[in-house]
Amino acid sequence: MNAVDKATQTMIQNLREKTGKSLEEWIEIARKTGIAKNRALLDHLKSDHGLTHGYANLIAIKALETAEQSTATGDDLVAAQYAGAKAELRPIYDAIISAVEKFGKDVEISPKKAYVSLRRSKQFALVQPTTATRVDVGINLKGVEQTDRLEKSGSFNAMVSHRVRVSSKNEVDKELIDWLKKGYEAA
């Protein structure tokens, strides 16, 4: 084992002690961002998770070098999310995307296997058909108190601070769009 390999191995061994998470846990967090560029992922890990440059770089490299590259297109991924029992939920998704696209030309819509990430310079929201009767909209709204409708994310998704449960297209209203816009503006 050369000196570089030894140093990397030592960092991997110390990662849990220094950060509270193993390399595998960090790789999962990194992949969930949907960020595919090393520098952007490194910057995200440093700014959003408070990691040092060395640990952030290690995680970014490992997450990107071992990530499975999907051959499915974004349209295929969205179609699969809203297939079968969840097909009735597609108008909710379409209404959300239509509203978010009006926020600015820098909105990125990035479909994943189970949800769609909405990003600007970083993720500000996600849209996920969680059940056959409900779409969950996760939004990053740091410092915003929860309400009856805008709840803390809890165990829903660690990448967002709040969640809104949406069961019909009519619930994609001004209040929800305003929360999404606030998340977008903070990203």
Protein backbone atom coordinates (compact mmCIF):
# COMPACT_ATOMS: atom_id res chain seq x y z
CA MET A 1 0.00 0.00 0.00
CA ASN A 2 1.51 3.35 -1.01
CA ALA A 3 1.41 6.51 1.12
CA VAL A 4 -1.62 7.92 -0.72
CA ASP A 5 -3.61 4.72 -0.23
CA LYS A 6 -2.64 4.67 3.46
CA ALA A 7 -3.71 8.28 3.94
CA THR A 8 -7.04 7.63 2.22
CA GLN A 9 -7.62 4.51 4.31
CA THR A 10 -6.88 6.47 7.50
CA MET A 11 -9.37 9.17 6.46
CA ILE A 12 -12.03 6.52 5.79
CA GLN A 13 -11.38 4.93 9.19
CA ASN A 14 -11.59 8.31 10.95
CA LEU A 15 -14.66 9.55 9.06
CA ARG A 16 -17.29 8.24 11.50
CA GLU A 17 -15.41 9.59 14.53
CA LYS A 18 -14.94 13.02 12.94
CA THR A 19 -18.36 13.40 11.26
CA GLY A 20 -20.71 10.91 12.92
CA LYS A 21 -21.28 9.01 9.67
CA SER A 22 -19.50 6.25 7.78
CA LEU A 23 -18.24 6.62 4.22
CA GLU A 24 -21.18 4.53 2.99
CA GLU A 25 -23.65 6.85 4.75
CA TRP A 26 -21.95 9.92 3.27
CA ILE A 27 -21.95 8.36 -0.21
CA GLU A 28 -25.71 7.81 0.09
CA ILE A 29 -26.23 11.44 1.18
CA ALA A 30 -24.03 12.67 -1.68
CA ARG A 31 -25.87 10.59 -4.28
CA LYS A 32 -29.27 11.78 -3.07
CA THR A 33 -28.30 15.33 -4.03
CA GLY A 34 -28.21 14.32 -7.67
CA ILE A 35 -25.10 16.46 -8.16
CA ALA A 36 -22.95 14.85 -10.84
CA LYS A 37 -19.95 17.21 -10.90
CA ASN A 38 -17.12 16.73 -8.42
CA ARG A 39 -16.58 20.41 -7.60
CA ALA A 40 -20.30 21.12 -7.12
CA LEU A 41 -20.68 18.07 -4.87
CA LEU A 42 -17.56 18.97 -2.89
CA ASP A 43 -18.84 22.53 -2.39
CA HIS A 44 -22.26 21.22 -1.33
CA LEU A 45 -20.75 18.85 1.25
CA LYS A 46 -18.62 21.64 2.67
CA SER A 47 -21.30 24.33 2.78
CA ASP A 48 -24.40 22.29 3.65
CA HIS A 49 -22.80 19.66 5.90
CA GLY A 50 -19.82 21.53 7.36
CA LEU A 51 -17.25 19.01 6.18
CA THR A 52 -13.60 19.91 5.80
CA HIS A 53 -12.22 20.06 2.29
CA GLY A 54 -10.39 16.75 2.66
CA TYR A 55 -13.41 14.76 3.82
CA ALA A 56 -15.75 16.45 1.33
CA ASN A 57 -13.34 15.67 -1.51
CA LEU A 58 -12.98 12.04 -0.45
CA ILE A 59 -16.77 11.57 -0.29
CA ALA A 60 -17.35 13.36 -3.62
CA ILE A 61 -14.75 11.23 -5.40
CA LYS A 62 -16.05 7.97 -3.94
CA ALA A 63 -19.71 8.84 -4.56
CA LEU A 64 -19.11 9.77 -8.18
CA GLU A 65 -16.69 6.98 -9.07
CA THR A 66 -18.98 4.23 -7.79
CA ALA A 67 -22.35 5.76 -8.63
CA GLU A 68 -24.49 3.69 -10.95
CA GLN A 69 -25.12 5.63 -14.11
CA SER A 70 -28.72 5.33 -15.13
CA THR A 71 -29.46 4.96 -18.81
CA ALA A 72 -33.03 6.09 -18.30
CA THR A 73 -33.91 9.62 -19.40
CA GLY A 74 -35.55 12.12 -17.08
CA ASP A 75 -38.87 11.64 -18.88
CA ASP A 76 -38.59 7.87 -18.38
CA LEU A 77 -37.93 8.31 -14.67
CA VAL A 78 -40.93 10.63 -14.20
CA ALA A 79 -43.17 8.33 -16.24
CA ALA A 80 -42.15 5.39 -14.05
CA GLN A 81 -42.87 7.36 -10.87
CA TYR A 82 -46.39 8.15 -12.03
CA ALA A 83 -47.26 4.76 -13.52
CA GLY A 84 -49.82 2.24 -12.34
CA ALA A 85 -51.58 3.08 -9.08
CA LYS A 86 -49.86 6.51 -8.96
CA ALA A 87 -50.99 7.61 -12.46
CA GLU A 88 -53.77 9.77 -10.98
CA LEU A 89 -51.11 11.89 -9.25
CA ARG A 90 -49.41 13.09 -12.45
CA PRO A 91 -51.54 16.29 -12.75
CA ILE A 92 -50.25 17.34 -9.31
CA TYR A 93 -46.65 16.91 -10.46
CA ASP A 94 -47.33 18.73 -13.74
CA ALA A 95 -48.92 21.69 -11.92
CA ILE A 96 -45.98 21.99 -9.52
CA ILE A 97 -43.41 21.84 -12.33
CA SER A 98 -45.36 24.37 -14.40
CA ALA A 99 -45.34 26.85 -11.50
CA VAL A 100 -41.68 26.27 -10.56
CA GLU A 101 -40.46 26.73 -14.15
CA LYS A 102 -41.76 30.33 -13.96
CA PHE A 103 -39.38 31.17 -11.08
CA GLY A 104 -36.43 31.67 -13.41
CA LYS A 105 -34.29 30.22 -16.17
CA ASP A 106 -31.89 28.80 -13.58
CA VAL A 107 -34.39 26.24 -12.23
CA GLU A 108 -33.08 22.71 -12.73
CA ILE A 109 -35.56 19.85 -12.79
CA SER A 110 -33.62 16.68 -12.09
CA PRO A 111 -35.60 13.41 -12.03
CA LYS A 112 -34.26 10.59 -9.86
CA LYS A 113 -35.61 7.07 -9.49
CA ALA A 114 -38.09 7.87 -6.67
CA TYR A 115 -38.48 11.66 -6.81
CA VAL A 116 -37.70 14.80 -8.79
CA SER A 117 -35.13 17.22 -7.38
CA LEU A 118 -35.73 20.94 -7.94
CA ARG A 119 -32.51 22.92 -7.85
CA ARG A 120 -31.02 26.30 -8.43
CA SER A 121 -27.45 26.52 -7.18
CA LYS A 122 -28.49 23.79 -4.73
CA GLN A 123 -31.61 21.72 -4.14
CA PHE A 124 -34.50 23.84 -2.86
CA ALA A 125 -37.28 21.28 -3.14
CA LEU A 126 -38.27 17.81 -4.28
CA VAL A 127 -41.49 16.23 -5.52
CA GLN A 128 -42.18 12.61 -4.65
CA PRO A 129 -45.24 10.43 -5.25
CA THR A 130 -45.11 8.78 -1.84
CA THR A 131 -48.35 6.81 -1.90
CA ALA A 132 -51.02 6.03 -4.48
CA THR A 133 -53.06 8.95 -3.11
CA ARG A 134 -50.43 11.55 -2.19
CA VAL A 135 -47.48 13.52 -3.51
CA ASP A 136 -45.05 14.87 -0.92
CA VAL A 137 -43.39 18.18 -1.70
CA GLY A 138 -40.21 18.65 0.31
CA ILE A 139 -38.93 22.22 0.59
CA ASN A 140 -35.81 23.73 2.13
CA LEU A 141 -37.10 26.55 4.31
CA LYS A 142 -34.49 27.10 7.01
CA GLY A 143 -35.82 28.98 10.03
CA VAL A 144 -39.48 28.74 8.99
CA GLU A 145 -41.89 27.46 11.64
CA GLN A 146 -44.17 24.59 10.78
CA THR A 147 -47.92 25.03 10.35
CA ASP A 148 -50.76 22.54 10.08
CA ARG A 149 -49.98 22.20 6.38
CA LEU A 150 -46.23 22.94 6.28
CA GLU A 151 -44.74 20.29 8.54
CA LYS A 152 -41.16 19.60 9.54
CA SER A 153 -39.61 17.00 7.23
CA GLY A 154 -38.78 14.59 10.03
CA SER A 155 -37.99 11.16 8.63
CA PHE A 156 -39.43 12.00 5.19
CA ASN A 157 -36.15 13.18 3.62
CA ALA A 158 -33.01 14.58 5.21
CA MET A 159 -32.32 16.78 2.17
CA VAL A 160 -35.26 19.12 2.92
CA SER A 161 -36.45 20.90 6.06
CA HIS A 162 -40.22 20.80 5.48
CA ARG A 163 -42.89 18.74 3.75
CA VAL A 164 -46.33 19.49 2.33
CA ARG A 165 -48.65 16.56 1.62
CA VAL A 166 -50.64 17.11 -1.58
CA SER A 167 -53.60 14.90 -2.54
CA SER A 168 -55.15 16.90 -5.38
CA LYS A 169 -54.16 19.37 -8.08
CA ASN A 170 -56.29 22.01 -6.30
CA GLU A 171 -53.82 21.90 -3.41
CA VAL A 172 -51.10 23.25 -5.72
CA ASP A 173 -52.21 26.72 -4.67
CA LYS A 174 -50.67 30.13 -4.00
CA GLU A 175 -49.55 29.13 -0.49
CA LEU A 176 -47.61 26.07 -1.73
CA ILE A 177 -46.14 27.98 -4.68
CA ASP A 178 -45.07 30.81 -2.33
CA TRP A 179 -43.23 28.31 -0.10
CA LEU A 180 -41.52 26.82 -3.16
CA LYS A 181 -40.56 30.32 -4.36
CA LYS A 182 -39.10 31.13 -0.93
CA GLY A 183 -37.01 27.94 -1.09
CA TYR A 184 -35.90 28.83 -4.63
CA GLU A 185 -34.89 32.34 -3.62
CA ALA A 186 -32.79 31.00 -0.72
CA ALA A 187 -30.98 28.45 -2.92
